């Protein structure tokens, strides 16, 4: 997947938006006000394409143990976020989309009832 395919897929999600809240390099996708994907564009320019996705902590460990291209990254280092290396070739487009879906769903699940209701 290239960054434009990721962008289009993220923006196809209900109430998803894109912005650069931190700097001109870090593209962030949010559902309402909550982040579900970060993409450091400088790494893409260097051929080190990766994204950061929210993840269930148990699933985080499972994914990190199964795939070399899923790891604790340099920007967000905690059990709720994974860095996904896109160009390793290890992960299919379908699986990357599933990981994006999981991230989006995790963020929605953590919202207040009022916020979730506004998604309907």
Protein backbone atom coordinates (compact mmCIF):
# COMPACT_ATOMS: atom_id res chain seq x y z
CA UNK A 1 0.00 0.00 0.00
CA UNK A 2 1.17 3.50 -0.67
CA UNK A 3 0.34 6.54 1.44
CA UNK A 4 -2.45 7.65 -0.88
CA UNK A 5 -4.18 4.25 -0.61
CA UNK A 6 -3.89 4.42 3.17
CA UNK A 7 -5.22 7.97 3.15
CA UNK A 8 -8.22 7.04 1.00
CA UNK A 9 -8.98 4.01 3.14
CA UNK A 10 -8.80 6.00 6.38
CA UNK A 11 -10.99 8.78 5.02
CA UNK A 12 -13.59 6.23 3.93
CA UNK A 13 -14.21 5.51 7.62
CA UNK A 14 -17.22 7.14 9.27
CA UNK A 15 -16.39 10.66 10.57
CA UNK A 16 -12.67 10.23 9.86
CA UNK A 17 -10.56 13.32 9.27
CA UNK A 18 -6.91 14.03 8.54
CA UNK A 19 -4.67 16.74 9.95
CA UNK A 20 -1.14 17.67 10.95
CA UNK A 21 -1.62 18.53 14.65
CA UNK A 22 2.00 17.95 15.72
CA UNK A 23 4.12 19.15 12.80
CA UNK A 24 4.13 19.27 8.99
CA UNK A 25 5.59 15.75 8.85
CA UNK A 26 3.16 13.66 10.89
CA UNK A 27 -0.11 12.94 9.12
CA UNK A 28 -2.79 12.00 11.66
CA UNK A 29 -6.16 10.38 11.06
CA UNK A 30 -8.84 10.81 13.69
CA UNK A 31 -12.37 9.65 14.26
CA UNK A 32 -14.06 12.67 15.79
CA UNK A 33 -11.26 13.92 18.09
CA UNK A 34 -9.43 10.61 18.70
CA UNK A 35 -6.36 9.43 16.76
CA UNK A 36 -6.43 6.02 15.11
CA UNK A 37 -3.48 6.27 12.67
CA UNK A 38 -0.28 8.29 12.45
CA UNK A 39 2.01 8.37 9.43
CA UNK A 40 5.42 10.07 9.68
CA UNK A 41 5.82 11.25 6.09
CA UNK A 42 9.60 11.81 6.32
CA UNK A 43 10.05 8.06 6.82
CA UNK A 44 7.99 7.45 3.66
CA UNK A 45 10.25 9.82 1.73
CA UNK A 46 13.28 7.80 2.93
CA UNK A 47 11.74 4.50 1.76
CA UNK A 48 10.99 3.46 5.33
CA UNK A 49 7.22 3.59 5.06
CA UNK A 50 5.45 2.95 8.33
CA UNK A 51 2.30 3.82 10.17
CA UNK A 52 1.32 3.71 13.84
CA UNK A 53 -1.96 2.09 14.81
CA UNK A 54 -3.87 1.72 18.05
CA UNK A 55 -4.20 -1.88 19.16
CA UNK A 56 -5.60 -4.04 21.94
CA UNK A 57 -2.66 -4.72 24.32
CA UNK A 58 -2.98 -8.51 24.12
CA UNK A 59 -3.24 -8.41 20.33
CA UNK A 60 -0.27 -6.01 20.29
CA UNK A 61 2.01 -8.63 21.84
CA UNK A 62 0.63 -11.37 19.60
CA UNK A 63 1.27 -9.33 16.46
CA UNK A 64 4.77 -8.31 17.54
CA UNK A 65 5.71 -11.93 18.17
CA UNK A 66 4.35 -13.12 14.80
CA UNK A 67 5.55 -10.39 12.41
CA UNK A 68 8.93 -8.70 12.07
CA UNK A 69 7.28 -5.71 10.44
CA UNK A 70 5.08 -4.99 13.49
CA UNK A 71 6.96 -3.57 16.47
CA UNK A 72 7.12 -0.91 19.18
CA UNK A 73 8.17 2.13 17.24
CA UNK A 74 10.32 5.14 17.92
CA UNK A 75 7.48 7.64 18.22
CA UNK A 76 4.86 5.93 20.36
CA UNK A 77 6.22 3.29 22.70
CA UNK A 78 3.46 1.66 24.66
CA UNK A 79 1.32 -1.45 24.66
CA UNK A 80 -1.59 0.30 22.92
CA UNK A 81 0.24 1.29 19.72
CA UNK A 82 2.12 -0.68 17.07
CA UNK A 83 4.38 0.55 14.33
CA UNK A 84 3.66 -1.22 11.05
CA UNK A 85 6.39 -1.34 8.41
CA UNK A 86 4.52 -1.19 5.11
CA UNK A 87 7.28 -1.97 2.62
CA UNK A 88 8.73 -5.07 4.27
CA UNK A 89 6.40 -7.10 2.03
CA UNK A 90 5.43 -9.32 4.94
CA UNK A 91 1.90 -7.92 5.32
CA UNK A 92 -0.80 -8.03 2.67
CA UNK A 93 -2.93 -5.03 1.79
CA UNK A 94 -5.94 -6.90 3.15
CA UNK A 95 -4.21 -7.47 6.51
CA UNK A 96 -3.06 -3.84 6.75
CA UNK A 97 -6.66 -2.75 6.19
CA UNK A 98 -7.77 -5.17 8.94
CA UNK A 99 -5.23 -3.58 11.29
CA UNK A 100 -6.51 -0.11 10.38
CA UNK A 101 -10.08 -1.33 11.03
CA UNK A 102 -9.00 -2.72 14.41
CA UNK A 103 -7.40 0.60 15.33
CA UNK A 104 -10.48 2.57 14.30
CA UNK A 105 -12.74 0.18 16.23
CA UNK A 106 -10.54 0.39 19.34
CA UNK A 107 -10.78 4.17 19.31
CA UNK A 108 -14.55 4.11 18.83
CA UNK A 109 -14.91 1.53 21.62
CA UNK A 110 -13.07 3.87 24.01
CA UNK A 111 -15.34 6.83 23.29
CA UNK A 112 -18.12 8.08 25.52
CA UNK A 113 -21.66 6.98 24.70
CA UNK A 114 -22.42 10.49 23.49
CA UNK A 115 -19.48 10.42 21.06
CA UNK A 116 -20.37 6.92 19.79
CA UNK A 117 -23.98 8.03 19.31
CA UNK A 118 -22.81 10.94 17.14
CA UNK A 119 -21.25 8.38 14.78
CA UNK A 120 -24.67 6.95 13.94
